[in-house]
Every structure is written in structure tokens, then in C-alpha cells.
């Protein structure tokens, strides 16, 4: 990885038994064949990571057990990412989340981590077992099917796996069902997650496709029984900007006030040029309300601003940030 370039991160999602770990192994083989050094974060429920035994032992791996990233150990995600980068200097990181996790929350954890590590979420890949998807869709209800839909909706790439288990008519039905749930992500149909053309992996960017995050208001139940609630987003986007110098607090507040309604969340850490020397602030923006907290970070913490919404113009936001930094 070149200095100052964000480390690409790919999030691998999908329900239990869909073939995520098989795809992970294939992805790692591809990266290595391209001369890249990959690293892995594996999250599993329970005390033992059995899937980790299937990963090449030469690949640096961090294990996060006994919970899902989006809940009790989500706060450790940034620590694990940072440790991998510091110790192994990987060219790319793949995060395989437990099949019981809602990826929207995991994505939110990754955006939190971007404040402390120079990373860029490049793709959210959801693997679906075609037969299981069709069976679950027949009832159209229940927590399992609801979670499946969330995993499919937030993907930038959909992998319809185990296609050899479906007859031609059922295969078309499964593809149509995926398209109804996510009208933007390409669909890759595979047997045993075998992929011949990986160009989408290099070309994809989570900043230009359906991605990121979850609302943090807690008033209902998670899909898997934990306290909290979030919106179901069919095409959520994220834009992450690393700031190379202090910015005007007045100009930044004006930028926030001018955000379109479809950018509903922003967060980050900034140094303001018009406050006391060296003062840094953690900012949160949600639904037209902004809040700032003066902080004194321990260790290296990036100046970064992350914007989250649906179907917003990245080009327009690029221009706003360029003007804020005096680069337009």
C-alpha cells in the first residue's frame, strides 16, 4: 500500500451457510495472484472461529468472537483494523461478518473506524443461497427473512450462490427476487462461489454504490433480538473525506446547513482554523441538527468527514468540500 493512500476494505455479508467463507477464500487467492497482501477480520458467534480454519494461514487474520460486530464488540472493530494495518501493512482488508449480523450496523462501525485509520470501504458483497432465499420468501415474514432482505438491500455486489441446486425457472425467480430487493447492485451467479472475472472487485467503490449506515436511535428490536432500531435503506451511499488542513467552522456549518435532505447523517473529527490553536472537534449531524464536542485525541487521529444518505450527488459534495479546503 502506497503511503497516504486509504487501505481498501471489503465487507462480506450473507446468511448462515450461504457460502461466504468459500467466497472469502477465493477472494484471498485472487488478491494474492495479483501480488497484493490481504488481511482478514472474521466475526463469528461463539467462542471458536471454525471458519477461520479455512483461511490460508499465511494471511494475517483477526478474530472477533462471542458476538456480532454491530453490537457488543462493534467498538473493537476500529482497534482490530488499526492493529492489522500497523502490524501487517496489508494492501486490502476483507471483513467477514457473522450471518446473524445486519451489515448496515457493521458499515456504521467501519465509518467510525475511518476517523482513526485511513481506510476506504470499497464494496459490500452479499452472498445469497438461491434455494434458501426462495424458501424463505414464500412466507415473506419472520426475523430470518427480514435480515436476509437487509443484507441484500445494502449490497454493492450480489452473489447468487448454489445456482446448480436450482432448475432454470427457479434460478430466474431467484434473480428476479434479488432485483426486487436491490435494483442497483450487479448480480453474479455462481456455483460454490466460483468467480472467473474479478474486475468488479477492483473497479467497485462503496462511495458510488449502495452502502452504508444505520440510524443510531434505539427504540425497537434488532433483527436478532438486541435493543435498537434502524431504517431499511435500499440505496444508501457514503462519502468520506480526509482533511489535510484546518477548516473554517463558520464555512463548515454553512456547508451542513446547505446539505440536501437526502444526506441525513454526517460525522467526523475536524480542526477548525478560527478557534483556539490546535482545537479539534468531534461533530455529529443528523436530520438537520449538528453537535460539536471539543476533544483531545490520544495518538494519531485523522481529520475526516463522513457523509451518509441516499441517492445524493457525489460530484456536488466533492465541489463543496473542495471550496471548504480552498481547492476549487
C-alpha atoms as a PDB file:
ATOM      1  CA  UNK A   1       0.000   0.000   0.000  1.00  0.00           C
ATOM      2  CA  UNK A   2       1.362   3.392  -1.011  1.00  0.00           C
ATOM      3  CA  UNK A   3       1.829   5.962   1.700  1.00  0.00           C
ATOM      4  CA  UNK A   4      -1.198   8.182   2.369  1.00  0.00           C
ATOM      5  CA  UNK A   5      -3.500   6.017   0.258  1.00  0.00           C
ATOM      6  CA  UNK A   6      -6.527   4.621   2.102  1.00  0.00           C
ATOM      7  CA  UNK A   7      -6.463   0.878   2.658  1.00  0.00           C
ATOM      8  CA  UNK A   8      -9.382  -0.669   0.717  1.00  0.00           C
ATOM      9  CA  UNK A   9     -11.914  -2.554   2.850  1.00  0.00           C
ATOM     10  CA  UNK A  10     -14.430  -5.076   1.528  1.00  0.00           C
ATOM     11  CA  UNK A  11     -17.326  -6.219   3.711  1.00  0.00           C
ATOM     12  CA  UNK A  12     -18.551  -9.765   3.127  1.00  0.00           C
ATOM     13  CA  UNK A  13     -22.110 -10.452   4.243  1.00  0.00           C
ATOM     14  CA  UNK A  14     -24.720 -13.151   3.785  1.00  0.00           C
ATOM     15  CA  UNK A  15     -26.871 -15.519   5.755  1.00  0.00           C
ATOM     16  CA  UNK A  16     -25.536 -18.571   7.565  1.00  0.00           C
ATOM     17  CA  UNK A  17     -24.479 -21.303   5.158  1.00  0.00           C
ATOM     18  CA  UNK A  18     -24.700 -19.162   2.035  1.00  0.00           C
ATOM     19  CA  UNK A  19     -21.044 -19.656   1.113  1.00  0.00           C
ATOM     20  CA  UNK A  20     -19.379 -16.512   2.500  1.00  0.00           C
ATOM     21  CA  UNK A  21     -16.242 -18.277   3.698  1.00  0.00           C
ATOM     22  CA  UNK A  22     -15.821 -20.055   0.369  1.00  0.00           C
ATOM     23  CA  UNK A  23     -16.035 -16.709  -1.405  1.00  0.00           C
ATOM     24  CA  UNK A  24     -13.581 -15.253   1.106  1.00  0.00           C
ATOM     25  CA  UNK A  25     -11.045 -17.976   0.321  1.00  0.00           C
ATOM     26  CA  UNK A  26     -11.496 -17.339  -3.406  1.00  0.00           C
ATOM     27  CA  UNK A  27     -11.103 -13.586  -2.909  1.00  0.00           C
ATOM     28  CA  UNK A  28      -7.884 -14.066  -0.971  1.00  0.00           C
ATOM     29  CA  UNK A  29      -6.486 -16.313  -3.703  1.00  0.00           C
ATOM     30  CA  UNK A  30      -7.334 -13.646  -6.266  1.00  0.00           C
ATOM     31  CA  UNK A  31      -5.674 -10.852  -4.299  1.00  0.00           C
ATOM     32  CA  UNK A  32      -2.522 -12.917  -3.830  1.00  0.00           C
ATOM     33  CA  UNK A  33      -2.419 -13.781  -7.536  1.00  0.00           C
ATOM     34  CA  UNK A  34      -2.443 -10.027  -8.200  1.00  0.00           C
ATOM     35  CA  UNK A  35       0.581  -9.565  -5.955  1.00  0.00           C
ATOM     36  CA  UNK A  36      -1.446  -7.946  -3.162  1.00  0.00           C
ATOM     37  CA  UNK A  37      -1.162  -8.648   0.549  1.00  0.00           C
ATOM     38  CA  UNK A  38      -4.647  -9.236   2.016  1.00  0.00           C
ATOM     39  CA  UNK A  39      -5.719  -9.345   5.657  1.00  0.00           C
ATOM     40  CA  UNK A  40      -8.942 -10.640   7.190  1.00  0.00           C
ATOM     41  CA  UNK A  41     -11.221  -9.830  10.110  1.00  0.00           C
ATOM     42  CA  UNK A  42     -13.570 -12.717  10.878  1.00  0.00           C
ATOM     43  CA  UNK A  43     -16.553 -12.285  13.166  1.00  0.00           C
ATOM     44  CA  UNK A  44     -18.405 -15.332  14.462  1.00  0.00           C
ATOM     45  CA  UNK A  45     -20.929 -16.072  17.176  1.00  0.00           C
ATOM     46  CA  UNK A  46     -19.466 -18.360  19.815  1.00  0.00           C
ATOM     47  CA  UNK A  47     -16.062 -18.966  21.319  1.00  0.00           C
ATOM     48  CA  UNK A  48     -14.347 -20.745  18.420  1.00  0.00           C
ATOM     49  CA  UNK A  49     -13.879 -19.470  14.873  1.00  0.00           C
ATOM     50  CA  UNK A  50     -14.171 -22.661  12.858  1.00  0.00           C
ATOM     51  CA  UNK A  51     -14.447 -20.810   9.545  1.00  0.00           C
ATOM     52  CA  UNK A  52     -11.054 -19.278  10.225  1.00  0.00           C
ATOM     53  CA  UNK A  53      -9.512 -22.694   9.789  1.00  0.00           C
ATOM     54  CA  UNK A  54     -10.401 -22.474   6.094  1.00  0.00           C
ATOM     55  CA  UNK A  55      -8.345 -19.322   5.558  1.00  0.00           C
ATOM     56  CA  UNK A  56      -4.782 -19.525   4.288  1.00  0.00           C
ATOM     57  CA  UNK A  57      -2.543 -19.402   7.357  1.00  0.00           C
ATOM     58  CA  UNK A  58      -0.208 -17.002   5.559  1.00  0.00           C
ATOM     59  CA  UNK A  59      -2.955 -14.366   5.535  1.00  0.00           C
ATOM     60  CA  UNK A  60      -2.995 -12.105   8.634  1.00  0.00           C
ATOM     61  CA  UNK A  61      -6.307 -12.596  10.432  1.00  0.00           C
ATOM     62  CA  UNK A  62      -8.036 -11.022  13.419  1.00  0.00           C
ATOM     63  CA  UNK A  63     -10.837 -12.943  15.119  1.00  0.00           C
ATOM     64  CA  UNK A  64     -13.799 -11.255  16.790  1.00  0.00           C
ATOM     65  CA  UNK A  65     -15.789 -13.904  18.644  1.00  0.00           C
ATOM     66  CA  UNK A  66     -18.731 -14.176  21.051  1.00  0.00           C
ATOM     67  CA  UNK A  67     -20.846 -11.542  19.388  1.00  0.00           C
ATOM     68  CA  UNK A  68     -21.653  -9.643  16.223  1.00  0.00           C
ATOM     69  CA  UNK A  69     -19.717  -6.590  15.101  1.00  0.00           C
ATOM     70  CA  UNK A  70     -22.842  -4.437  15.243  1.00  0.00           C
ATOM     71  CA  UNK A  71     -23.391  -4.992  18.959  1.00  0.00           C
ATOM     72  CA  UNK A  72     -21.147  -5.812  21.907  1.00  0.00           C
ATOM     73  CA  UNK A  73     -17.840  -5.844  20.030  1.00  0.00           C
ATOM     74  CA  UNK A  74     -18.543  -3.202  17.399  1.00  0.00           C
ATOM     75  CA  UNK A  75     -16.378  -0.738  19.293  1.00  0.00           C
ATOM     76  CA  UNK A  76     -13.422  -3.080  18.862  1.00  0.00           C
ATOM     77  CA  UNK A  77     -13.660  -3.076  15.075  1.00  0.00           C
ATOM     78  CA  UNK A  78     -11.580   0.068  14.690  1.00  0.00           C
ATOM     79  CA  UNK A  79      -8.998  -1.353  17.085  1.00  0.00           C
ATOM     80  CA  UNK A  80      -8.743  -4.563  15.067  1.00  0.00           C
ATOM     81  CA  UNK A  81      -8.455  -2.687  11.780  1.00  0.00           C
ATOM     82  CA  UNK A  82      -5.767  -0.444  13.240  1.00  0.00           C
ATOM     83  CA  UNK A  83      -3.806  -3.378  14.647  1.00  0.00           C
ATOM     84  CA  UNK A  84      -3.845  -5.183  11.305  1.00  0.00           C
ATOM     85  CA  UNK A  85      -2.668  -2.098   9.433  1.00  0.00           C
ATOM     86  CA  UNK A  86       0.070  -1.268  11.929  1.00  0.00           C
ATOM     87  CA  UNK A  87       1.429  -4.796  12.235  1.00  0.00           C
ATOM     88  CA  UNK A  88       0.988  -6.206   8.736  1.00  0.00           C
ATOM     89  CA  UNK A  89       0.591  -3.238   6.347  1.00  0.00           C
ATOM     90  CA  UNK A  90      -1.923  -5.055   4.127  1.00  0.00           C
ATOM     91  CA  UNK A  91      -2.889  -3.856   0.669  1.00  0.00           C
ATOM     92  CA  UNK A  92      -6.525  -4.796   1.274  1.00  0.00           C
ATOM     93  CA  UNK A  93      -8.727  -5.894   4.198  1.00  0.00           C
ATOM     94  CA  UNK A  94     -11.726  -8.211   3.977  1.00  0.00           C
ATOM     95  CA  UNK A  95     -14.222  -8.275   6.853  1.00  0.00           C
ATOM     96  CA  UNK A  96     -16.448 -11.351   7.022  1.00  0.00           C
ATOM     97  CA  UNK A  97     -19.337 -10.641   9.359  1.00  0.00           C
ATOM     98  CA  UNK A  98     -21.443 -13.283  11.039  1.00  0.00           C
ATOM     99  CA  UNK A  99     -24.527 -14.308   9.109  1.00  0.00           C
ATOM    100  CA  UNK A 100     -26.643 -13.100  12.035  1.00  0.00           C
ATOM    101  CA  UNK A 101     -25.406  -9.504  11.712  1.00  0.00           C
ATOM    102  CA  UNK A 102     -27.158  -6.626   9.998  1.00  0.00           C
ATOM    103  CA  UNK A 103     -24.463  -5.212   7.693  1.00  0.00           C
ATOM    104  CA  UNK A 104     -25.818  -1.671   7.993  1.00  0.00           C
ATOM    105  CA  UNK A 105     -24.608  -1.580  11.588  1.00  0.00           C
ATOM    106  CA  UNK A 106     -21.265  -3.113  10.619  1.00  0.00           C
ATOM    107  CA  UNK A 107     -20.869  -0.457   7.941  1.00  0.00           C
ATOM    108  CA  UNK A 108     -21.507   2.194  10.575  1.00  0.00           C
ATOM    109  CA  UNK A 109     -18.680   0.679  12.609  1.00  0.00           C
ATOM    110  CA  UNK A 110     -16.385   0.926   9.599  1.00  0.00           C
ATOM    111  CA  UNK A 111     -17.215   4.610   9.152  1.00  0.00           C
ATOM    112  CA  UNK A 112     -16.388   5.124  12.826  1.00  0.00           C
ATOM    113  CA  UNK A 113     -13.058   3.395  12.242  1.00  0.00           C
ATOM    114  CA  UNK A 114     -12.284   5.763   9.355  1.00  0.00           C
ATOM    115  CA  UNK A 115     -11.716   8.503  11.935  1.00  0.00           C
ATOM    116  CA  UNK A 116      -8.749   6.597  13.316  1.00  0.00           C
ATOM    117  CA  UNK A 117      -7.417   4.718  10.313  1.00  0.00           C
ATOM    118  CA  UNK A 118      -7.043   5.801   6.699  1.00  0.00           C
ATOM    119  CA  UNK A 119      -9.397   3.275   5.138  1.00  0.00           C
ATOM    120  CA  UNK A 120     -11.940   3.266   2.323  1.00  0.00           C
ATOM    121  CA  UNK A 121     -14.921   0.939   2.121  1.00  0.00           C
ATOM    122  CA  UNK A 122     -14.843  -0.339  -1.458  1.00  0.00           C
ATOM    123  CA  UNK A 123     -17.642  -2.885  -1.560  1.00  0.00           C
ATOM    124  CA  UNK A 124     -20.366  -4.618   0.391  1.00  0.00           C
ATOM    125  CA  UNK A 125     -20.729  -8.123  -1.006  1.00  0.00           C
ATOM    126  CA  UNK A 126     -23.763 -10.187  -0.014  1.00  0.00           C
ATOM    127  CA  UNK A 127     -23.862 -13.913  -0.740  1.00  0.00           C
ATOM    128  CA  UNK A 128     -27.313 -15.484  -1.084  1.00  0.00           C
ATOM    129  CA  UNK A 129     -28.168 -19.190  -1.176  1.00  0.00           C
ATOM    130  CA  UNK A 130     -30.683 -19.254  -4.032  1.00  0.00           C
ATOM    131  CA  UNK A 131     -32.733 -22.191  -2.751  1.00  0.00           C
ATOM    132  CA  UNK A 132     -32.862 -20.876   0.819  1.00  0.00           C
ATOM    133  CA  UNK A 133     -33.825 -17.410  -0.393  1.00  0.00           C
ATOM    134  CA  UNK A 134     -36.775 -18.774  -2.372  1.00  0.00           C
ATOM    135  CA  UNK A 135     -37.935 -20.941   0.513  1.00  0.00           C
ATOM    136  CA  UNK A 136     -37.801 -18.048   2.990  1.00  0.00           C
ATOM    137  CA  UNK A 137     -39.577 -15.715   0.590  1.00  0.00           C
ATOM    138  CA  UNK A 138     -42.622 -17.997   0.407  1.00  0.00           C
ATOM    139  CA  UNK A 139     -43.693 -16.966   3.890  1.00  0.00           C
ATOM    140  CA  UNK A 140     -42.423 -13.419   3.432  1.00  0.00           C
ATOM    141  CA  UNK A 141     -42.116 -12.833   7.148  1.00  0.00           C
ATOM    142  CA  UNK A 142     -40.049 -13.646  10.201  1.00  0.00           C
ATOM    143  CA  UNK A 143     -36.775 -12.261  11.509  1.00  0.00           C
ATOM    144  CA  UNK A 144     -34.641 -14.513   9.340  1.00  0.00           C
ATOM    145  CA  UNK A 145     -36.191 -13.344   6.074  1.00  0.00           C
ATOM    146  CA  UNK A 146     -36.161  -9.727   7.249  1.00  0.00           C
ATOM    147  CA  UNK A 147     -32.435  -9.992   7.961  1.00  0.00           C
ATOM    148  CA  UNK A 148     -31.847 -11.596   4.562  1.00  0.00           C
ATOM    149  CA  UNK A 149     -33.568  -8.649   2.901  1.00  0.00           C
ATOM    150  CA  UNK A 150     -31.435  -6.143   4.831  1.00  0.00           C
ATOM    151  CA  UNK A 151     -28.259  -7.970   3.790  1.00  0.00           C
ATOM    152  CA  UNK A 152     -29.383  -7.924   0.159  1.00  0.00           C
ATOM    153  CA  UNK A 153     -30.566  -4.297   0.161  1.00  0.00           C
ATOM    154  CA  UNK A 154     -27.280  -2.815   1.335  1.00  0.00           C
ATOM    155  CA  UNK A 155     -25.045  -4.750  -1.095  1.00  0.00           C
ATOM    156  CA  UNK A 156     -22.929  -3.232  -3.841  1.00  0.00           C
ATOM    157  CA  UNK A 157     -22.482  -6.725  -5.313  1.00  0.00           C
ATOM    158  CA  UNK A 158     -24.877  -9.667  -5.005  1.00  0.00           C
ATOM    159  CA  UNK A 159     -23.576 -13.220  -5.335  1.00  0.00           C
ATOM    160  CA  UNK A 160     -26.362 -15.700  -6.088  1.00  0.00           C
ATOM    161  CA  UNK A 161     -24.667 -18.900  -4.985  1.00  0.00           C
ATOM    162  CA  UNK A 162     -25.522 -22.603  -5.293  1.00  0.00           C
ATOM    163  CA  UNK A 163     -27.130 -21.977  -8.675  1.00  0.00           C
ATOM    164  CA  UNK A 164     -26.531 -25.635  -9.535  1.00  0.00           C
ATOM    165  CA  UNK A 165     -29.177 -26.521  -6.939  1.00  0.00           C
ATOM    166  CA  UNK A 166     -31.864 -24.608  -8.867  1.00  0.00           C
ATOM    167  CA  UNK A 167     -33.732 -25.529 -12.019  1.00  0.00           C
ATOM    168  CA  UNK A 168     -33.766 -22.855 -14.762  1.00  0.00           C
ATOM    169  CA  UNK A 169     -37.165 -21.496 -13.755  1.00  0.00           C
ATOM    170  CA  UNK A 170     -36.214 -21.227 -10.080  1.00  0.00           C
ATOM    171  CA  UNK A 171     -32.922 -19.565 -11.000  1.00  0.00           C
ATOM    172  CA  UNK A 172     -34.760 -16.820 -12.886  1.00  0.00           C
ATOM    173  CA  UNK A 173     -37.171 -16.454  -9.970  1.00  0.00           C
ATOM    174  CA  UNK A 174     -34.280 -16.042  -7.513  1.00  0.00           C
ATOM    175  CA  UNK A 175     -32.600 -13.450  -9.745  1.00  0.00           C
ATOM    176  CA  UNK A 176     -35.851 -11.501 -10.028  1.00  0.00           C
ATOM    177  CA  UNK A 177     -36.310 -11.602  -6.265  1.00  0.00           C
ATOM    178  CA  UNK A 178     -32.827 -10.189  -5.725  1.00  0.00           C
ATOM    179  CA  UNK A 179     -33.511  -7.449  -8.259  1.00  0.00           C
ATOM    180  CA  UNK A 180     -36.755  -6.511  -6.496  1.00  0.00           C
ATOM    181  CA  UNK A 181     -34.879  -6.134  -3.201  1.00  0.00           C
ATOM    182  CA  UNK A 182     -31.892  -4.312  -4.687  1.00  0.00           C
ATOM    183  CA  UNK A 183     -32.298  -2.659  -8.057  1.00  0.00           C
ATOM    184  CA  UNK A 184     -28.753  -1.299  -8.251  1.00  0.00           C
ATOM    185  CA  UNK A 185     -26.206  -3.978  -7.353  1.00  0.00           C
ATOM    186  CA  UNK A 186     -24.945  -6.308 -10.102  1.00  0.00           C
ATOM    187  CA  UNK A 187     -25.862  -9.979  -9.643  1.00  0.00           C
ATOM    188  CA  UNK A 188     -23.134 -12.601 -10.004  1.00  0.00           C
ATOM    189  CA  UNK A 189     -24.483 -16.155 -10.348  1.00  0.00           C
ATOM    190  CA  UNK A 190     -22.096 -18.829  -9.051  1.00  0.00           C
ATOM    191  CA  UNK A 191     -21.611 -22.441  -8.092  1.00  0.00           C
ATOM    192  CA  UNK A 192     -19.545 -22.834  -4.916  1.00  0.00           C
ATOM    193  CA  UNK A 193     -18.779 -19.099  -5.170  1.00  0.00           C
ATOM    194  CA  UNK A 194     -16.559 -19.688  -8.171  1.00  0.00           C
ATOM    195  CA  UNK A 195     -15.694 -16.344  -9.798  1.00  0.00           C
ATOM    196  CA  UNK A 196     -13.876 -16.073 -13.130  1.00  0.00           C
ATOM    197  CA  UNK A 197     -13.886 -12.291 -13.624  1.00  0.00           C
ATOM    198  CA  UNK A 198     -12.873 -10.206 -10.597  1.00  0.00           C
ATOM    199  CA  UNK A 199     -12.781  -6.837 -12.362  1.00  0.00           C
ATOM    200  CA  UNK A 200     -15.808  -5.636 -10.371  1.00  0.00           C
ATOM    201  CA  UNK A 201     -13.783  -6.041  -7.185  1.00  0.00           C
ATOM    202  CA  UNK A 202     -11.114  -3.588  -8.305  1.00  0.00           C
ATOM    203  CA  UNK A 203     -13.494  -1.177 -10.009  1.00  0.00           C
ATOM    204  CA  UNK A 204     -16.220  -1.087  -7.384  1.00  0.00           C
ATOM    205  CA  UNK A 205     -16.486   1.702  -4.869  1.00  0.00           C
ATOM    206  CA  UNK A 206     -18.847   1.813  -1.948  1.00  0.00           C
ATOM    207  CA  UNK A 207     -18.882   5.569  -2.311  1.00  0.00           C
ATOM    208  CA  UNK A 208     -20.654   5.256  -5.663  1.00  0.00           C
ATOM    209  CA  UNK A 209     -22.936   2.310  -4.953  1.00  0.00           C
ATOM    210  CA  UNK A 210     -25.499   1.317  -2.335  1.00  0.00           C
ATOM    211  CA  UNK A 211     -23.774   1.279   1.028  1.00  0.00           C
ATOM    212  CA  UNK A 212     -23.540   2.456   4.499  1.00  0.00           C
ATOM    213  CA  UNK A 213     -25.025   3.083   7.564  1.00  0.00           C
ATOM    214  CA  UNK A 214     -27.632   2.650  10.251  1.00  0.00           C
ATOM    215  CA  UNK A 215     -29.516   5.179  12.328  1.00  0.00           C
ATOM    216  CA  UNK A 216     -28.426   5.030  15.960  1.00  0.00           C
ATOM    217  CA  UNK A 217     -31.733   5.859  17.607  1.00  0.00           C
ATOM    218  CA  UNK A 218     -32.658   2.999  19.935  1.00  0.00           C
ATOM    219  CA  UNK A 219     -36.361   2.359  20.262  1.00  0.00           C
ATOM    220  CA  UNK A 220     -37.112  -1.103  18.919  1.00  0.00           C
ATOM    221  CA  UNK A 221     -35.546  -4.529  18.499  1.00  0.00           C
ATOM    222  CA  UNK A 222     -32.686  -5.560  16.232  1.00  0.00           C
ATOM    223  CA  UNK A 223     -33.431  -8.341  13.821  1.00  0.00           C
ATOM    224  CA  UNK A 224     -31.551 -10.714  16.085  1.00  0.00           C
ATOM    225  CA  UNK A 225     -33.030  -9.544  19.350  1.00  0.00           C
ATOM    226  CA  UNK A 226     -30.817  -6.703  20.557  1.00  0.00           C
ATOM    227  CA  UNK A 227     -32.077  -3.278  21.564  1.00  0.00           C
ATOM    228  CA  UNK A 228     -32.014  -0.675  18.828  1.00  0.00           C
ATOM    229  CA  UNK A 229     -33.609   0.369  15.567  1.00  0.00           C
ATOM    230  CA  UNK A 230     -32.546   1.394  12.119  1.00  0.00           C
ATOM    231  CA  UNK A 231     -34.074   2.325   8.800  1.00  0.00           C
ATOM    232  CA  UNK A 232     -34.215  -0.044   5.854  1.00  0.00           C
ATOM    233  CA  UNK A 233     -32.209   1.648   3.108  1.00  0.00           C
ATOM    234  CA  UNK A 234     -32.392   0.363  -0.434  1.00  0.00           C
ATOM    235  CA  UNK A 235     -29.615   2.549  -1.795  1.00  0.00           C
ATOM    236  CA  UNK A 236     -27.523   4.080   0.941  1.00  0.00           C
ATOM    237  CA  UNK A 237     -24.384   5.970  -0.038  1.00  0.00           C
ATOM    238  CA  UNK A 238     -21.345   7.173   1.845  1.00  0.00           C
ATOM    239  CA  UNK A 239     -18.734   9.790   1.023  1.00  0.00           C
ATOM    240  CA  UNK A 240     -15.577  10.000   3.142  1.00  0.00           C
ATOM    241  CA  UNK A 241     -13.213  12.976   3.019  1.00  0.00           C
ATOM    242  CA  UNK A 242      -9.842  13.149   4.768  1.00  0.00           C
ATOM    243  CA  UNK A 243      -8.943  16.767   5.508  1.00  0.00           C
ATOM    244  CA  UNK A 244      -5.324  17.825   5.060  1.00  0.00           C
ATOM    245  CA  UNK A 245      -5.660  21.143   6.902  1.00  0.00           C
ATOM    246  CA  UNK A 246      -7.884  23.059   9.351  1.00  0.00           C
ATOM    247  CA  UNK A 247     -11.148  24.478   8.014  1.00  0.00           C
ATOM    248  CA  UNK A 248     -13.353  27.412   8.947  1.00  0.00           C
ATOM    249  CA  UNK A 249     -16.016  26.442  11.474  1.00  0.00           C
ATOM    250  CA  UNK A 250     -18.389  29.029  10.007  1.00  0.00           C
ATOM    251  CA  UNK A 251     -17.885  27.727   6.469  1.00  0.00           C
ATOM    252  CA  UNK A 252     -18.337  24.137   7.608  1.00  0.00           C
ATOM    253  CA  UNK A 253     -21.535  24.964   9.469  1.00  0.00           C
ATOM    254  CA  UNK A 254     -22.781  26.691   6.328  1.00  0.00           C
ATOM    255  CA  UNK A 255     -21.953  23.545   4.342  1.00  0.00           C
ATOM    256  CA  UNK A 256     -24.012  21.440   6.759  1.00  0.00           C
ATOM    257  CA  UNK A 257     -26.948  23.849   6.583  1.00  0.00           C
ATOM    258  CA  UNK A 258     -26.902  23.567   2.800  1.00  0.00           C
ATOM    259  CA  UNK A 259     -26.902  19.775   2.641  1.00  0.00           C
ATOM    260  CA  UNK A 260     -29.811  18.268   0.704  1.00  0.00           C
ATOM    261  CA  UNK A 261     -32.473  16.324   2.572  1.00  0.00           C
ATOM    262  CA  UNK A 262     -31.192  13.024   1.208  1.00  0.00           C
ATOM    263  CA  UNK A 263     -27.942  13.427   3.159  1.00  0.00           C
ATOM    264  CA  UNK A 264     -29.326  12.616   6.567  1.00  0.00           C
ATOM    265  CA  UNK A 265     -26.207  11.852   8.565  1.00  0.00           C
ATOM    266  CA  UNK A 266     -22.629  13.075   8.896  1.00  0.00           C
ATOM    267  CA  UNK A 267     -19.880  12.611  11.449  1.00  0.00           C
ATOM    268  CA  UNK A 268     -16.174  13.108  11.860  1.00  0.00           C
ATOM    269  CA  UNK A 269     -13.307  14.923  13.518  1.00  0.00           C
ATOM    270  CA  UNK A 270     -12.132  18.348  12.365  1.00  0.00           C
ATOM    271  CA  UNK A 271      -9.619  21.021  13.289  1.00  0.00           C
ATOM    272  CA  UNK A 272     -11.122  24.498  12.972  1.00  0.00           C
ATOM    273  CA  UNK A 273      -8.905  27.354  11.831  1.00  0.00           C
ATOM    274  CA  UNK A 274     -10.930  30.030  13.623  1.00  0.00           C
ATOM    275  CA  UNK A 275     -10.819  28.526  17.117  1.00  0.00           C
ATOM    276  CA  UNK A 276      -8.012  28.332  19.659  1.00  0.00           C
ATOM    277  CA  UNK A 277      -4.823  26.884  18.207  1.00  0.00           C
ATOM    278  CA  UNK A 278      -4.946  23.152  17.676  1.00  0.00           C
ATOM    279  CA  UNK A 279      -8.526  22.691  18.899  1.00  0.00           C
ATOM    280  CA  UNK A 280     -10.188  19.624  17.442  1.00  0.00           C
ATOM    281  CA  UNK A 281     -13.850  18.737  17.462  1.00  0.00           C
ATOM    282  CA  UNK A 282     -15.916  15.601  17.095  1.00  0.00           C
ATOM    283  CA  UNK A 283     -19.009  16.527  15.109  1.00  0.00           C
ATOM    284  CA  UNK A 284     -22.300  14.717  14.614  1.00  0.00           C
ATOM    285  CA  UNK A 285     -25.017  15.750  12.157  1.00  0.00           C
ATOM    286  CA  UNK A 286     -28.402  14.059  11.915  1.00  0.00           C
ATOM    287  CA  UNK A 287     -31.547  15.274  10.228  1.00  0.00           C
ATOM    288  CA  UNK A 288     -30.567  18.972  10.160  1.00  0.00           C
ATOM    289  CA  UNK A 289     -29.237  19.066  13.725  1.00  0.00           C
ATOM    290  CA  UNK A 290     -25.495  19.348  14.385  1.00  0.00           C
ATOM    291  CA  UNK A 291     -23.444  18.957  17.538  1.00  0.00           C
ATOM    292  CA  UNK A 292     -19.772  19.599  18.320  1.00  0.00           C
ATOM    293  CA  UNK A 293     -17.636  18.298  21.166  1.00  0.00           C
ATOM    294  CA  UNK A 294     -14.103  19.550  21.791  1.00  0.00           C
ATOM    295  CA  UNK A 295     -11.733  16.583  22.068  1.00  0.00           C
ATOM    296  CA  UNK A 296      -8.071  15.871  22.747  1.00  0.00           C
ATOM    297  CA  UNK A 297      -7.398  12.608  20.897  1.00  0.00           C
ATOM    298  CA  UNK A 298      -4.757  10.251  22.200  1.00  0.00           C
ATOM    299  CA  UNK A 299      -2.430   9.119  19.440  1.00  0.00           C
ATOM    300  CA  UNK A 300      -2.927   9.697  15.737  1.00  0.00           C
ATOM    301  CA  UNK A 301      -6.495  10.547  14.754  1.00  0.00           C
ATOM    302  CA  UNK A 302      -7.388  11.692  11.253  1.00  0.00           C
ATOM    303  CA  UNK A 303      -9.307  14.829  10.385  1.00  0.00           C
ATOM    304  CA  UNK A 304     -12.166  13.281   8.443  1.00  0.00           C
ATOM    305  CA  UNK A 305     -15.773  13.994   7.480  1.00  0.00           C
ATOM    306  CA  UNK A 306     -18.175  11.181   6.562  1.00  0.00           C
ATOM    307  CA  UNK A 307     -21.499  11.926   4.845  1.00  0.00           C
ATOM    308  CA  UNK A 308     -24.279   9.333   4.658  1.00  0.00           C
ATOM    309  CA  UNK A 309     -27.506   9.415   2.699  1.00  0.00           C
ATOM    310  CA  UNK A 310     -29.446   8.114  -0.283  1.00  0.00           C
ATOM    311  CA  UNK A 311     -29.083   8.940  -3.988  1.00  0.00           C
ATOM    312  CA  UNK A 312     -27.160  12.173  -3.357  1.00  0.00           C
ATOM    313  CA  UNK A 313     -24.831  13.852  -5.844  1.00  0.00           C
ATOM    314  CA  UNK A 314     -21.246  12.940  -5.026  1.00  0.00           C
ATOM    315  CA  UNK A 315     -19.995  15.479  -7.564  1.00  0.00           C
ATOM    316  CA  UNK A 316     -21.832  18.317  -5.825  1.00  0.00           C
ATOM    317  CA  UNK A 317     -20.461  17.297  -2.433  1.00  0.00           C
ATOM    318  CA  UNK A 318     -16.948  16.996  -3.896  1.00  0.00           C
ATOM    319  CA  UNK A 319     -17.250  20.604  -5.014  1.00  0.00           C
ATOM    320  CA  UNK A 320     -18.475  21.787  -1.614  1.00  0.00           C
ATOM    321  CA  UNK A 321     -15.546  20.106   0.148  1.00  0.00           C
ATOM    322  CA  UNK A 322     -13.064  21.485  -2.391  1.00  0.00           C
ATOM    323  CA  UNK A 323     -14.357  25.001  -1.740  1.00  0.00           C
ATOM    324  CA  UNK A 324     -14.158  24.416   2.005  1.00  0.00           C
ATOM    325  CA  UNK A 325     -10.490  23.481   1.607  1.00  0.00           C
ATOM    326  CA  UNK A 326      -9.832  26.349  -0.802  1.00  0.00           C
ATOM    327  CA  UNK A 327      -9.073  23.995  -3.680  1.00  0.00           C
ATOM    328  CA  UNK A 328     -11.822  24.951  -6.112  1.00  0.00           C
END
